[in-house]
Amino acid sequence: MISKKAKYALKALKVLAEHYGKGPVLISYIAEQEKIPRKFLEAILLDLRNSGILQSQKGKGGGYLLRVPPGEVKFSKVLRVIDGPIAPTLCVSLFFYGKCDDCADEEACSLRTVMEKWRDANLAVLDQTTLTDLLLNDE
């Protein structure tokens, strides 16, 4: 299950994708459109900006905008930025690998094989899904 923070991030990115190429969008507008608490949204947008997905503009006419086209923003990247590893266990994580404390031999672990399949099945969807897909589902 993704976190509420990740769900809000995707909703905010959908608004920004709808406005792609039209200039910055105010935080207050995104918060109102998607019913996201403003303070929570500010933290989410900052994380997305720091990861390179968004850029911000200060001053009059400022706000947030996508740094790249919506079709280049994969769900997998957004979820990793907001929630961390996508893999169900650290030992099969592609970007956040860690050895399991309770596993004597990773190579002989039968559970690891299942966890790799789980990860790969999720990534097959998340790596192929972009913000453009959110826009297409609205039509």
C-alpha atoms as a PDB file:
ATOM      1  CA  MET A   1       0.000   0.000   0.000  1.00  0.00           C
ATOM      2  CA  ILE A   2       1.357   3.446  -0.812  1.00  0.00           C
ATOM      3  CA  SER A   3       1.334   6.123   1.853  1.00  0.00           C
ATOM      4  CA  LYS A   4      -1.112   9.015   1.964  1.00  0.00           C
ATOM      5  CA  LYS A   5       1.891  11.264   1.275  1.00  0.00           C
ATOM      6  CA  ALA A   6       2.627   9.361  -1.961  1.00  0.00           C
ATOM      7  CA  LYS A   7      -1.030   9.515  -2.997  1.00  0.00           C
ATOM      8  CA  TYR A   8      -1.053  13.280  -2.410  1.00  0.00           C
ATOM      9  CA  ALA A   9       2.202  13.612  -4.355  1.00  0.00           C
ATOM     10  CA  LEU A  10       0.661  11.873  -7.368  1.00  0.00           C
ATOM     11  CA  LYS A  11      -2.485  14.012  -7.136  1.00  0.00           C
ATOM     12  CA  ALA A  12      -0.396  17.204  -6.973  1.00  0.00           C
ATOM     13  CA  LEU A  13       1.728  16.042  -9.907  1.00  0.00           C
ATOM     14  CA  LYS A  14      -1.433  15.392 -11.896  1.00  0.00           C
ATOM     15  CA  VAL A  15      -2.442  19.043 -11.444  1.00  0.00           C
ATOM     16  CA  LEU A  16       1.032  20.156 -12.483  1.00  0.00           C
ATOM     17  CA  ALA A  17       0.904  17.843 -15.511  1.00  0.00           C
ATOM     18  CA  GLU A  18      -2.410  19.417 -16.554  1.00  0.00           C
ATOM     19  CA  HIS A  19      -0.692  22.821 -16.460  1.00  0.00           C
ATOM     20  CA  TYR A  20       2.556  21.697 -18.090  1.00  0.00           C
ATOM     21  CA  GLY A  21       3.924  24.413 -20.365  1.00  0.00           C
ATOM     22  CA  LYS A  22       1.550  27.045 -18.977  1.00  0.00           C
ATOM     23  CA  GLY A  23       3.780  28.381 -16.187  1.00  0.00           C
ATOM     24  CA  PRO A  24       3.990  27.891 -12.435  1.00  0.00           C
ATOM     25  CA  VAL A  25       1.039  26.752 -10.323  1.00  0.00           C
ATOM     26  CA  LEU A  26       0.392  28.098  -6.831  1.00  0.00           C
ATOM     27  CA  ILE A  27       0.490  25.709  -3.880  1.00  0.00           C
ATOM     28  CA  SER A  28      -2.869  27.061  -2.733  1.00  0.00           C
ATOM     29  CA  TYR A  29      -4.441  26.124  -6.090  1.00  0.00           C
ATOM     30  CA  ILE A  30      -3.113  22.556  -5.952  1.00  0.00           C
ATOM     31  CA  ALA A  31      -4.189  22.181  -2.312  1.00  0.00           C
ATOM     32  CA  GLU A  32      -7.693  23.387  -3.102  1.00  0.00           C
ATOM     33  CA  GLN A  33      -8.107  21.317  -6.273  1.00  0.00           C
ATOM     34  CA  GLU A  34      -7.015  18.057  -4.656  1.00  0.00           C
ATOM     35  CA  LYS A  35      -8.135  18.674  -1.042  1.00  0.00           C
ATOM     36  CA  ILE A  36      -4.577  18.350   0.308  1.00  0.00           C
ATOM     37  CA  PRO A  37      -3.610  20.107   3.561  1.00  0.00           C
ATOM     38  CA  ARG A  38      -1.384  23.013   2.511  1.00  0.00           C
ATOM     39  CA  LYS A  39       1.457  22.446   5.021  1.00  0.00           C
ATOM     40  CA  PHE A  40       1.623  18.759   4.088  1.00  0.00           C
ATOM     41  CA  LEU A  41       1.625  19.680   0.401  1.00  0.00           C
ATOM     42  CA  GLU A  42       4.482  22.157   0.905  1.00  0.00           C
ATOM     43  CA  ALA A  43       6.675  19.381   2.329  1.00  0.00           C
ATOM     44  CA  ILE A  44       5.731  17.007  -0.507  1.00  0.00           C
ATOM     45  CA  LEU A  45       6.486  19.570  -3.220  1.00  0.00           C
ATOM     46  CA  LEU A  46       9.821  20.378  -1.600  1.00  0.00           C
ATOM     47  CA  ASP A  47      10.791  16.670  -1.697  1.00  0.00           C
ATOM     48  CA  LEU A  48       9.788  16.496  -5.359  1.00  0.00           C
ATOM     49  CA  ARG A  49      11.749  19.648  -6.141  1.00  0.00           C
ATOM     50  CA  ASN A  50      14.843  18.364  -4.345  1.00  0.00           C
ATOM     51  CA  SER A  51      14.661  15.141  -6.370  1.00  0.00           C
ATOM     52  CA  GLY A  52      14.618  17.043  -9.681  1.00  0.00           C
ATOM     53  CA  ILE A  53      11.020  16.303 -10.664  1.00  0.00           C
ATOM     54  CA  LEU A  54       9.819  19.853 -10.005  1.00  0.00           C
ATOM     55  CA  GLN A  55      11.206  23.350 -10.093  1.00  0.00           C
ATOM     56  CA  SER A  56       9.918  26.379  -8.262  1.00  0.00           C
ATOM     57  CA  GLN A  57       9.694  30.070  -9.025  1.00  0.00           C
ATOM     58  CA  LYS A  58       9.545  32.721  -6.351  1.00  0.00           C
ATOM     59  CA  GLY A  59       7.748  36.028  -6.396  1.00  0.00           C
ATOM     60  CA  LYS A  60       4.673  37.282  -8.214  1.00  0.00           C
ATOM     61  CA  GLY A  61       3.510  34.675 -10.713  1.00  0.00           C
ATOM     62  CA  GLY A  62       5.584  32.058  -8.912  1.00  0.00           C
ATOM     63  CA  GLY A  63       4.764  28.536  -7.876  1.00  0.00           C
ATOM     64  CA  TYR A  64       5.736  25.015  -8.896  1.00  0.00           C
ATOM     65  CA  LEU A  65       6.070  23.413 -12.307  1.00  0.00           C
ATOM     66  CA  LEU A  66       7.305  20.156 -13.754  1.00  0.00           C
ATOM     67  CA  ARG A  67      10.982  20.195 -14.695  1.00  0.00           C
ATOM     68  CA  VAL A  68      10.398  17.595 -17.452  1.00  0.00           C
ATOM     69  CA  PRO A  69       7.410  16.611 -19.630  1.00  0.00           C
ATOM     70  CA  PRO A  70       4.701  14.555 -17.864  1.00  0.00           C
ATOM     71  CA  GLY A  71       5.534  11.520 -20.006  1.00  0.00           C
ATOM     72  CA  GLU A  72       9.014  11.395 -18.471  1.00  0.00           C
ATOM     73  CA  VAL A  73       7.874  11.281 -14.833  1.00  0.00           C
ATOM     74  CA  LYS A  74       7.522   7.612 -13.888  1.00  0.00           C
ATOM     75  CA  PHE A  75       5.443   6.485 -10.930  1.00  0.00           C
ATOM     76  CA  SER A  76       8.402   4.390  -9.742  1.00  0.00           C
ATOM     77  CA  LYS A  77      10.559   7.502  -9.284  1.00  0.00           C
ATOM     78  CA  VAL A  78       7.831   9.429  -7.477  1.00  0.00           C
ATOM     79  CA  LEU A  79       7.141   6.544  -5.098  1.00  0.00           C
ATOM     80  CA  ARG A  80      10.841   6.077  -4.357  1.00  0.00           C
ATOM     81  CA  VAL A  81      11.236   9.791  -3.608  1.00  0.00           C
ATOM     82  CA  ILE A  82       8.242   9.876  -1.279  1.00  0.00           C
ATOM     83  CA  ASP A  83       8.025   6.372   0.237  1.00  0.00           C
ATOM     84  CA  GLY A  84      11.506   4.925  -0.302  1.00  0.00           C
ATOM     85  CA  PRO A  85      11.998   1.350  -1.537  1.00  0.00           C
ATOM     86  CA  ILE A  86       9.394  -0.239  -3.784  1.00  0.00           C
ATOM     87  CA  ALA A  87      10.701  -3.741  -3.070  1.00  0.00           C
ATOM     88  CA  PRO A  88       8.898  -5.670  -0.324  1.00  0.00           C
ATOM     89  CA  THR A  89      12.225  -6.511   1.399  1.00  0.00           C
ATOM     90  CA  LEU A  90      15.533  -4.654   1.422  1.00  0.00           C
ATOM     91  CA  CYS A  91      17.490  -7.667   0.143  1.00  0.00           C
ATOM     92  CA  VAL A  92      15.786  -7.364  -3.279  1.00  0.00           C
ATOM     93  CA  SER A  93      15.701  -3.582  -3.485  1.00  0.00           C
ATOM     94  CA  LEU A  94      17.369  -2.117  -6.575  1.00  0.00           C
ATOM     95  CA  PHE A  95      18.161   1.284  -5.039  1.00  0.00           C
ATOM     96  CA  PHE A  96      17.975   0.692  -1.260  1.00  0.00           C
ATOM     97  CA  TYR A  97      19.633  -2.737  -0.893  1.00  0.00           C
ATOM     98  CA  GLY A  98      20.261  -4.024   2.595  1.00  0.00           C
ATOM     99  CA  LYS A  99      21.002  -7.481   4.017  1.00  0.00           C
ATOM    100  CA  CYS A 100      18.188  -9.036   6.030  1.00  0.00           C
ATOM    101  CA  ASP A 101      19.089  -9.438   9.717  1.00  0.00           C
ATOM    102  CA  ASP A 102      17.411 -12.820  10.011  1.00  0.00           C
ATOM    103  CA  CYS A 103      18.884 -14.434   6.873  1.00  0.00           C
ATOM    104  CA  ALA A 104      22.024 -16.591   7.139  1.00  0.00           C
ATOM    105  CA  ASP A 105      22.416 -17.190   3.388  1.00  0.00           C
ATOM    106  CA  GLU A 106      20.780 -14.795   0.952  1.00  0.00           C
ATOM    107  CA  GLU A 107      21.460 -17.016  -2.061  1.00  0.00           C
ATOM    108  CA  ALA A 108      19.733 -20.018  -0.468  1.00  0.00           C
ATOM    109  CA  CYS A 109      16.728 -18.042   0.786  1.00  0.00           C
ATOM    110  CA  SER A 110      13.571 -19.325  -0.898  1.00  0.00           C
ATOM    111  CA  LEU A 111      11.606 -16.274   0.246  1.00  0.00           C
ATOM    112  CA  ARG A 112      14.009 -13.958  -1.616  1.00  0.00           C
ATOM    113  CA  THR A 113      13.004 -15.462  -4.983  1.00  0.00           C
ATOM    114  CA  VAL A 114       9.340 -14.719  -4.304  1.00  0.00           C
ATOM    115  CA  MET A 115      10.200 -11.185  -3.149  1.00  0.00           C
ATOM    116  CA  GLU A 116      12.132 -10.588  -6.403  1.00  0.00           C
ATOM    117  CA  LYS A 117       9.090 -11.682  -8.422  1.00  0.00           C
ATOM    118  CA  TRP A 118       6.879  -9.378  -6.354  1.00  0.00           C
ATOM    119  CA  ARG A 119       9.264  -6.454  -6.923  1.00  0.00           C
ATOM    120  CA  ASP A 120       9.499  -7.146 -10.656  1.00  0.00           C
ATOM    121  CA  ALA A 121       5.711  -7.381 -11.040  1.00  0.00           C
ATOM    122  CA  ASN A 122       5.243  -4.017  -9.318  1.00  0.00           C
ATOM    123  CA  LEU A 123       8.030  -2.399 -11.307  1.00  0.00           C
ATOM    124  CA  ALA A 124       6.568  -3.688 -14.567  1.00  0.00           C
ATOM    125  CA  VAL A 125       3.594  -1.409 -13.902  1.00  0.00           C
ATOM    126  CA  LEU A 126       5.274   1.486 -12.077  1.00  0.00           C
ATOM    127  CA  ASP A 127       8.135   1.898 -14.571  1.00  0.00           C
ATOM    128  CA  GLN A 128       5.678   1.995 -17.474  1.00  0.00           C
ATOM    129  CA  THR A 129       3.226   4.421 -15.864  1.00  0.00           C
ATOM    130  CA  THR A 130       3.818   8.173 -16.132  1.00  0.00           C
ATOM    131  CA  LEU A 131       1.940  11.340 -15.312  1.00  0.00           C
ATOM    132  CA  THR A 132       0.589  11.287 -18.868  1.00  0.00           C
ATOM    133  CA  ASP A 133      -1.341   8.143 -17.918  1.00  0.00           C
ATOM    134  CA  LEU A 134      -3.088  10.106 -15.150  1.00  0.00           C
ATOM    135  CA  LEU A 135      -4.238  12.658 -17.702  1.00  0.00           C
ATOM    136  CA  LEU A 136      -5.480   9.992 -20.121  1.00  0.00           C
ATOM    137  CA  ASN A 137      -7.563   8.343 -17.392  1.00  0.00           C
ATOM    138  CA  ASP A 138      -9.474  11.584 -16.849  1.00  0.00           C
ATOM    139  CA  GLU A 139     -10.865  11.704 -20.368  1.00  0.00           C
END
